[in-house]
N, C-alpha and C. Protein backbone atom coordinates (compact mmCIF):
# COMPACT_ATOMS: atom_id res chain seq x y z
N MET A 1 0.84 -1.17 0.00
CA MET A 1 0.00 0.00 0.00
C MET A 1 0.89 1.23 0.00
N SER A 2 0.74 2.08 -0.98
CA SER A 2 1.54 3.29 -1.09
C SER A 2 0.63 4.49 -1.18
N SER A 3 1.14 5.62 -0.74
CA SER A 3 0.38 6.86 -0.88
C SER A 3 1.15 7.81 -1.77
N SER A 4 0.43 8.74 -2.35
CA SER A 4 1.10 9.69 -3.24
C SER A 4 1.45 10.98 -2.53
N GLY A 5 1.18 11.07 -1.22
CA GLY A 5 1.47 12.29 -0.47
C GLY A 5 2.96 12.53 -0.36
N SER A 6 3.33 13.81 -0.43
CA SER A 6 4.75 14.12 -0.33
C SER A 6 5.01 15.13 0.78
N THR A 7 4.05 15.34 1.67
CA THR A 7 4.29 16.25 2.78
C THR A 7 4.97 15.48 3.91
N TYR A 8 5.60 16.22 4.77
CA TYR A 8 6.38 15.64 5.86
C TYR A 8 5.47 14.80 6.76
N GLY A 9 5.86 13.57 7.01
CA GLY A 9 5.12 12.70 7.90
C GLY A 9 4.16 11.77 7.20
N ASP A 10 3.91 11.94 5.90
CA ASP A 10 3.03 11.02 5.18
C ASP A 10 3.69 9.65 5.07
N ILE A 11 2.86 8.62 5.08
CA ILE A 11 3.37 7.27 4.91
C ILE A 11 3.58 7.02 3.43
N HIS A 12 4.80 6.76 3.05
CA HIS A 12 5.13 6.52 1.64
C HIS A 12 4.87 5.07 1.26
N ARG A 13 5.23 4.13 2.14
CA ARG A 13 5.02 2.71 1.87
C ARG A 13 4.68 2.02 3.18
N TYR A 14 3.68 1.13 3.13
CA TYR A 14 3.29 0.36 4.32
C TYR A 14 3.05 -1.08 3.89
N GLU A 15 3.83 -1.99 4.42
CA GLU A 15 3.64 -3.41 4.16
C GLU A 15 3.32 -4.08 5.49
N PRO A 16 2.15 -4.69 5.59
CA PRO A 16 1.78 -5.33 6.86
C PRO A 16 2.68 -6.52 7.17
N PRO A 17 2.81 -6.88 8.44
CA PRO A 17 3.66 -8.03 8.80
C PRO A 17 3.02 -9.34 8.36
N ARG A 18 3.86 -10.37 8.20
CA ARG A 18 3.37 -11.69 7.75
C ARG A 18 2.64 -12.45 8.85
N GLU A 19 3.16 -12.39 10.06
CA GLU A 19 2.58 -13.05 11.23
C GLU A 19 2.39 -14.55 10.99
N SER A 20 3.44 -15.23 10.58
CA SER A 20 3.33 -16.66 10.29
C SER A 20 3.39 -17.49 11.57
N MET A 21 2.72 -18.64 11.52
CA MET A 21 2.69 -19.54 12.66
C MET A 21 4.05 -20.18 12.89
N THR A 22 4.82 -20.36 11.84
CA THR A 22 6.18 -20.91 11.97
C THR A 22 7.05 -20.00 12.82
N ALA A 23 6.90 -18.70 12.62
CA ALA A 23 7.68 -17.74 13.41
C ALA A 23 7.27 -17.79 14.88
N VAL A 24 5.99 -17.97 15.14
CA VAL A 24 5.52 -18.05 16.53
C VAL A 24 6.14 -19.26 17.22
N VAL A 25 6.09 -20.41 16.55
CA VAL A 25 6.64 -21.64 17.13
C VAL A 25 8.15 -21.50 17.32
N SER A 26 8.83 -20.90 16.35
CA SER A 26 10.28 -20.71 16.46
C SER A 26 10.64 -19.80 17.62
N ILE A 27 9.89 -18.72 17.78
CA ILE A 27 10.16 -17.79 18.89
C ILE A 27 9.91 -18.47 20.23
N VAL A 28 8.85 -19.27 20.33
CA VAL A 28 8.58 -19.97 21.58
C VAL A 28 9.70 -20.96 21.90
N LEU A 29 10.14 -21.73 20.90
CA LEU A 29 11.23 -22.69 21.14
C LEU A 29 12.54 -21.99 21.50
N LEU A 30 12.84 -20.89 20.81
CA LEU A 30 14.06 -20.14 21.14
C LEU A 30 13.97 -19.52 22.54
N THR A 31 12.77 -19.15 22.95
CA THR A 31 12.60 -18.60 24.30
C THR A 31 12.83 -19.69 25.35
N VAL A 32 12.38 -20.92 25.08
CA VAL A 32 12.63 -22.03 26.01
C VAL A 32 14.14 -22.29 26.10
N VAL A 33 14.82 -22.26 24.95
CA VAL A 33 16.28 -22.45 24.95
C VAL A 33 16.95 -21.31 25.72
N GLU A 34 16.45 -20.09 25.56
CA GLU A 34 17.01 -18.93 26.28
C GLU A 34 16.87 -19.11 27.79
N ILE A 35 15.70 -19.56 28.21
CA ILE A 35 15.49 -19.76 29.65
C ILE A 35 16.42 -20.86 30.17
N ALA A 36 16.63 -21.91 29.39
CA ALA A 36 17.55 -22.98 29.80
C ALA A 36 18.99 -22.45 29.91
N LEU A 37 19.41 -21.65 28.94
CA LEU A 37 20.77 -21.09 28.98
C LEU A 37 20.95 -20.15 30.17
N VAL A 38 19.93 -19.35 30.47
CA VAL A 38 20.02 -18.47 31.64
C VAL A 38 20.10 -19.30 32.91
N GLY A 39 19.34 -20.39 32.96
CA GLY A 39 19.41 -21.28 34.13
C GLY A 39 20.78 -21.90 34.31
N VAL A 40 21.38 -22.37 33.21
CA VAL A 40 22.72 -22.97 33.28
C VAL A 40 23.74 -21.92 33.72
N PHE A 41 23.63 -20.71 33.16
CA PHE A 41 24.57 -19.65 33.53
C PHE A 41 24.42 -19.28 35.01
N THR A 42 23.19 -19.15 35.46
CA THR A 42 22.95 -18.80 36.87
C THR A 42 23.45 -19.90 37.80
N PHE A 43 23.19 -21.16 37.43
CA PHE A 43 23.68 -22.28 38.24
C PHE A 43 25.20 -22.28 38.30
N GLY A 44 25.85 -21.97 37.15
CA GLY A 44 27.31 -21.91 37.12
C GLY A 44 27.87 -20.80 38.00
N LEU A 45 27.19 -19.67 38.02
CA LEU A 45 27.65 -18.58 38.89
C LEU A 45 27.49 -18.93 40.36
N ILE A 46 26.34 -19.52 40.69
CA ILE A 46 26.09 -19.88 42.10
C ILE A 46 27.04 -20.99 42.54
N SER A 47 27.33 -21.94 41.65
CA SER A 47 28.21 -23.06 42.00
C SER A 47 29.68 -22.67 42.04
N GLY A 48 30.01 -21.51 41.50
CA GLY A 48 31.40 -21.05 41.54
C GLY A 48 32.25 -21.59 40.43
N TRP A 49 31.67 -21.84 39.27
CA TRP A 49 32.44 -22.35 38.14
C TRP A 49 33.48 -21.34 37.67
N GLY A 50 33.21 -20.07 37.83
CA GLY A 50 34.13 -19.04 37.34
C GLY A 50 35.24 -18.71 38.32
N VAL A 51 35.20 -19.26 39.50
CA VAL A 51 36.22 -18.99 40.50
C VAL A 51 37.50 -19.74 40.13
N ALA A 52 38.62 -19.07 40.29
CA ALA A 52 39.90 -19.71 39.95
C ALA A 52 40.15 -20.88 40.89
N SER A 53 40.15 -22.06 40.32
CA SER A 53 40.41 -23.26 41.12
C SER A 53 41.29 -24.21 40.31
N ASN A 54 41.23 -25.46 40.61
CA ASN A 54 42.08 -26.43 39.94
C ASN A 54 41.50 -26.91 38.60
N ASP A 55 40.48 -26.27 38.08
CA ASP A 55 39.89 -26.73 36.82
C ASP A 55 40.62 -26.15 35.61
N GLY A 56 41.62 -25.35 35.81
CA GLY A 56 42.40 -24.80 34.71
C GLY A 56 41.71 -23.68 33.95
N GLY A 57 40.69 -23.05 34.52
CA GLY A 57 40.00 -21.95 33.87
C GLY A 57 38.87 -22.38 32.94
N PHE A 58 38.56 -23.69 32.92
CA PHE A 58 37.50 -24.16 32.03
C PHE A 58 36.12 -23.70 32.48
N GLY A 59 35.92 -23.54 33.76
CA GLY A 59 34.63 -23.05 34.26
C GLY A 59 34.35 -21.64 33.78
N ASN A 60 35.39 -20.82 33.77
CA ASN A 60 35.23 -19.44 33.30
C ASN A 60 34.93 -19.42 31.80
N MET A 61 35.59 -20.28 31.05
CA MET A 61 35.33 -20.37 29.61
C MET A 61 33.92 -20.89 29.36
N PHE A 62 33.47 -21.83 30.17
CA PHE A 62 32.13 -22.35 30.00
C PHE A 62 31.08 -21.28 30.27
N LEU A 63 31.29 -20.48 31.31
CA LEU A 63 30.35 -19.40 31.61
C LEU A 63 30.34 -18.36 30.48
N GLY A 64 31.50 -18.06 29.93
CA GLY A 64 31.56 -17.12 28.81
C GLY A 64 30.86 -17.65 27.58
N THR A 65 31.02 -18.94 27.31
CA THR A 65 30.33 -19.55 26.17
C THR A 65 28.83 -19.56 26.39
N ALA A 66 28.39 -19.84 27.60
CA ALA A 66 26.96 -19.84 27.90
C ALA A 66 26.39 -18.44 27.73
N MET A 67 27.12 -17.42 28.17
CA MET A 67 26.63 -16.05 28.02
C MET A 67 26.59 -15.65 26.54
N ALA A 68 27.60 -16.03 25.77
CA ALA A 68 27.60 -15.73 24.34
C ALA A 68 26.41 -16.41 23.66
N ALA A 69 26.15 -17.67 24.02
CA ALA A 69 25.00 -18.38 23.44
C ALA A 69 23.69 -17.70 23.82
N MET A 70 23.61 -17.18 25.04
CA MET A 70 22.39 -16.46 25.45
C MET A 70 22.15 -15.25 24.56
N PHE A 71 23.19 -14.47 24.31
CA PHE A 71 23.01 -13.25 23.52
C PHE A 71 22.75 -13.55 22.05
N VAL A 72 23.39 -14.59 21.51
CA VAL A 72 23.13 -14.96 20.11
C VAL A 72 21.69 -15.46 19.97
N ASN A 73 21.25 -16.25 20.93
CA ASN A 73 19.86 -16.74 20.91
C ASN A 73 18.88 -15.57 21.01
N LEU A 74 19.16 -14.62 21.88
CA LEU A 74 18.29 -13.45 22.01
C LEU A 74 18.28 -12.64 20.72
N ALA A 75 19.41 -12.57 20.05
CA ALA A 75 19.46 -11.84 18.77
C ALA A 75 18.57 -12.51 17.74
N PHE A 76 18.55 -13.84 17.69
CA PHE A 76 17.67 -14.54 16.75
C PHE A 76 16.20 -14.34 17.10
N ILE A 77 15.87 -14.31 18.39
CA ILE A 77 14.49 -14.06 18.80
C ILE A 77 14.05 -12.68 18.33
N LEU A 78 14.87 -11.67 18.57
CA LEU A 78 14.52 -10.30 18.18
C LEU A 78 14.47 -10.15 16.66
N LEU A 79 15.36 -10.84 15.95
CA LEU A 79 15.36 -10.78 14.49
C LEU A 79 14.07 -11.37 13.93
N LEU A 80 13.66 -12.51 14.42
CA LEU A 80 12.41 -13.11 13.96
C LEU A 80 11.21 -12.24 14.29
N TYR A 81 11.21 -11.67 15.49
CA TYR A 81 10.09 -10.81 15.88
C TYR A 81 10.00 -9.58 14.98
N ARG A 82 11.13 -8.95 14.72
CA ARG A 82 11.12 -7.75 13.89
C ARG A 82 10.69 -8.07 12.45
N LYS A 83 11.18 -9.16 11.93
CA LYS A 83 10.88 -9.51 10.54
C LYS A 83 9.44 -9.97 10.34
N GLU A 84 8.90 -10.71 11.29
CA GLU A 84 7.59 -11.32 11.09
C GLU A 84 6.42 -10.56 11.71
N PHE A 85 6.67 -9.72 12.73
CA PHE A 85 5.55 -9.12 13.46
C PHE A 85 5.53 -7.60 13.46
N LEU A 86 6.51 -6.93 12.91
CA LEU A 86 6.49 -5.48 12.82
C LEU A 86 6.28 -5.05 11.37
N PRO A 87 5.40 -4.08 11.12
CA PRO A 87 5.17 -3.66 9.73
C PRO A 87 6.36 -2.90 9.17
N ASP A 88 6.49 -2.95 7.85
CA ASP A 88 7.55 -2.21 7.16
C ASP A 88 6.95 -0.89 6.71
N VAL A 89 7.35 0.20 7.35
CA VAL A 89 6.77 1.50 7.09
C VAL A 89 7.87 2.46 6.67
N MET A 90 7.64 3.19 5.58
CA MET A 90 8.56 4.24 5.15
C MET A 90 7.78 5.55 5.12
N ILE A 91 8.26 6.54 5.87
CA ILE A 91 7.58 7.82 5.89
C ILE A 91 8.38 8.85 5.11
N VAL A 92 7.70 9.91 4.72
CA VAL A 92 8.35 10.99 3.98
C VAL A 92 9.06 11.88 5.00
N LYS A 93 10.33 12.14 4.77
CA LYS A 93 11.10 13.01 5.66
C LYS A 93 11.46 14.28 4.93
N LYS A 94 11.71 15.31 5.72
CA LYS A 94 12.09 16.60 5.15
C LYS A 94 13.54 16.53 4.68
N ARG A 95 13.76 16.90 3.45
CA ARG A 95 15.11 16.91 2.91
C ARG A 95 15.78 18.22 3.29
N ARG A 96 16.98 18.13 3.78
CA ARG A 96 17.71 19.32 4.21
C ARG A 96 18.94 19.52 3.35
N ARG A 97 19.27 20.78 3.17
CA ARG A 97 20.52 21.08 2.49
C ARG A 97 21.66 21.02 3.48
N LYS A 98 22.87 20.95 3.01
CA LYS A 98 24.02 20.75 3.89
C LYS A 98 24.16 21.85 4.93
N TRP A 99 23.91 23.08 4.52
CA TRP A 99 24.17 24.19 5.44
C TRP A 99 23.08 24.32 6.49
N GLU A 100 21.93 23.69 6.33
CA GLU A 100 20.84 23.87 7.28
C GLU A 100 21.15 23.30 8.64
N ASP A 101 21.97 22.27 8.71
CA ASP A 101 22.30 21.69 10.00
C ASP A 101 23.26 22.58 10.78
N LEU A 102 24.05 23.38 10.08
CA LEU A 102 25.08 24.16 10.75
C LEU A 102 24.65 25.59 11.05
N TYR A 103 23.80 26.15 10.22
CA TYR A 103 23.48 27.57 10.36
C TYR A 103 21.98 27.77 10.44
N ILE A 104 21.60 28.88 11.05
CA ILE A 104 20.18 29.17 11.22
C ILE A 104 19.59 29.77 9.95
N ARG A 105 20.28 30.69 9.37
CA ARG A 105 19.77 31.37 8.18
C ARG A 105 20.72 31.17 7.01
N GLU A 106 20.17 31.34 5.82
CA GLU A 106 21.00 31.19 4.63
C GLU A 106 22.04 32.30 4.55
N ASP A 107 21.75 33.45 5.16
CA ASP A 107 22.69 34.56 5.14
C ASP A 107 23.94 34.26 5.96
N ASP A 108 23.82 33.36 6.95
CA ASP A 108 24.93 33.07 7.84
C ASP A 108 25.85 31.97 7.33
N VAL A 109 25.68 31.55 6.08
CA VAL A 109 26.49 30.47 5.53
C VAL A 109 27.97 30.82 5.55
N ASP A 110 28.30 32.07 5.25
CA ASP A 110 29.70 32.49 5.21
C ASP A 110 30.26 32.73 6.59
N GLY A 111 29.44 32.70 7.62
CA GLY A 111 29.90 32.93 8.98
C GLY A 111 30.04 34.41 9.26
N GLU A 112 30.73 34.74 10.32
CA GLU A 112 30.95 36.14 10.67
C GLU A 112 32.38 36.34 11.13
N SER A 113 32.79 37.57 11.12
CA SER A 113 34.17 37.90 11.46
C SER A 113 34.41 37.68 12.95
N MET A 114 35.66 37.44 13.32
CA MET A 114 36.00 37.26 14.72
C MET A 114 35.80 38.54 15.52
N THR A 115 35.96 39.66 14.89
CA THR A 115 35.90 40.92 15.62
C THR A 115 34.50 41.51 15.68
N ASP A 116 33.50 40.88 15.03
CA ASP A 116 32.13 41.39 15.11
C ASP A 116 31.63 41.28 16.53
N GLY A 117 31.26 42.40 17.10
CA GLY A 117 30.73 42.41 18.45
C GLY A 117 31.76 42.24 19.53
N ALA A 118 33.03 42.30 19.21
CA ALA A 118 34.08 42.10 20.22
C ALA A 118 34.08 43.23 21.23
N ARG A 119 33.80 44.44 20.76
CA ARG A 119 33.79 45.60 21.67
C ARG A 119 32.67 45.46 22.70
N GLU A 120 31.47 45.06 22.26
CA GLU A 120 30.36 44.88 23.19
C GLU A 120 30.64 43.74 24.18
N THR A 121 31.23 42.67 23.71
CA THR A 121 31.56 41.55 24.57
C THR A 121 32.58 41.96 25.62
N PHE A 122 33.56 42.74 25.21
CA PHE A 122 34.58 43.21 26.14
C PHE A 122 33.96 44.14 27.19
N LYS A 123 33.06 45.03 26.73
CA LYS A 123 32.41 45.94 27.68
C LYS A 123 31.55 45.18 28.68
N ARG A 124 30.86 44.15 28.23
CA ARG A 124 30.02 43.37 29.14
C ARG A 124 30.88 42.58 30.13
N ALA A 125 32.07 42.16 29.72
CA ALA A 125 32.95 41.43 30.62
C ALA A 125 33.51 42.35 31.71
N ILE A 126 33.80 43.60 31.33
CA ILE A 126 34.36 44.54 32.30
C ILE A 126 33.27 45.14 33.18
N TYR A 127 32.16 45.49 32.56
CA TYR A 127 31.05 46.09 33.29
C TYR A 127 29.88 45.12 33.31
N PRO A 128 29.85 44.18 34.23
CA PRO A 128 28.80 43.15 34.22
C PRO A 128 27.40 43.71 34.50
N TYR A 129 27.34 44.87 35.16
CA TYR A 129 26.02 45.43 35.47
C TYR A 129 25.63 46.55 34.55
N MET A 130 26.24 46.57 33.37
CA MET A 130 25.95 47.62 32.39
C MET A 130 24.50 47.47 31.90
N LYS A 131 23.81 48.59 31.78
CA LYS A 131 22.43 48.55 31.29
C LYS A 131 22.45 48.32 29.80
N ARG A 132 21.47 47.61 29.35
CA ARG A 132 21.43 47.26 27.92
C ARG A 132 20.67 48.29 27.16
């Protein structure tokens, strides 16, 4: 669905999400795996697997691998959710010229001299209670 409007904020393109049942089942299964990984990581922390002992540092590596697997799994969950359940929307944005971000008016593109207003600035620094 597209609109022909070209004013700021108009929706240029809107594609509804697919909302497939396969994505729902995949997200549920990945969530179960995520909960299992969090449980293993928490059990490892409570049991002291990461503490320097006679295991040669393997407990710490195991905890790091479990945490990495948790974040990769979470990334897949979020990727599936974004792709399958959020609409694809493109809105019309205001196009700006390069100088608009830097300057307020088109007249100020060239900037101003260093000495413009220096006398007034100096007077205000010396006489802070000067009337305007």
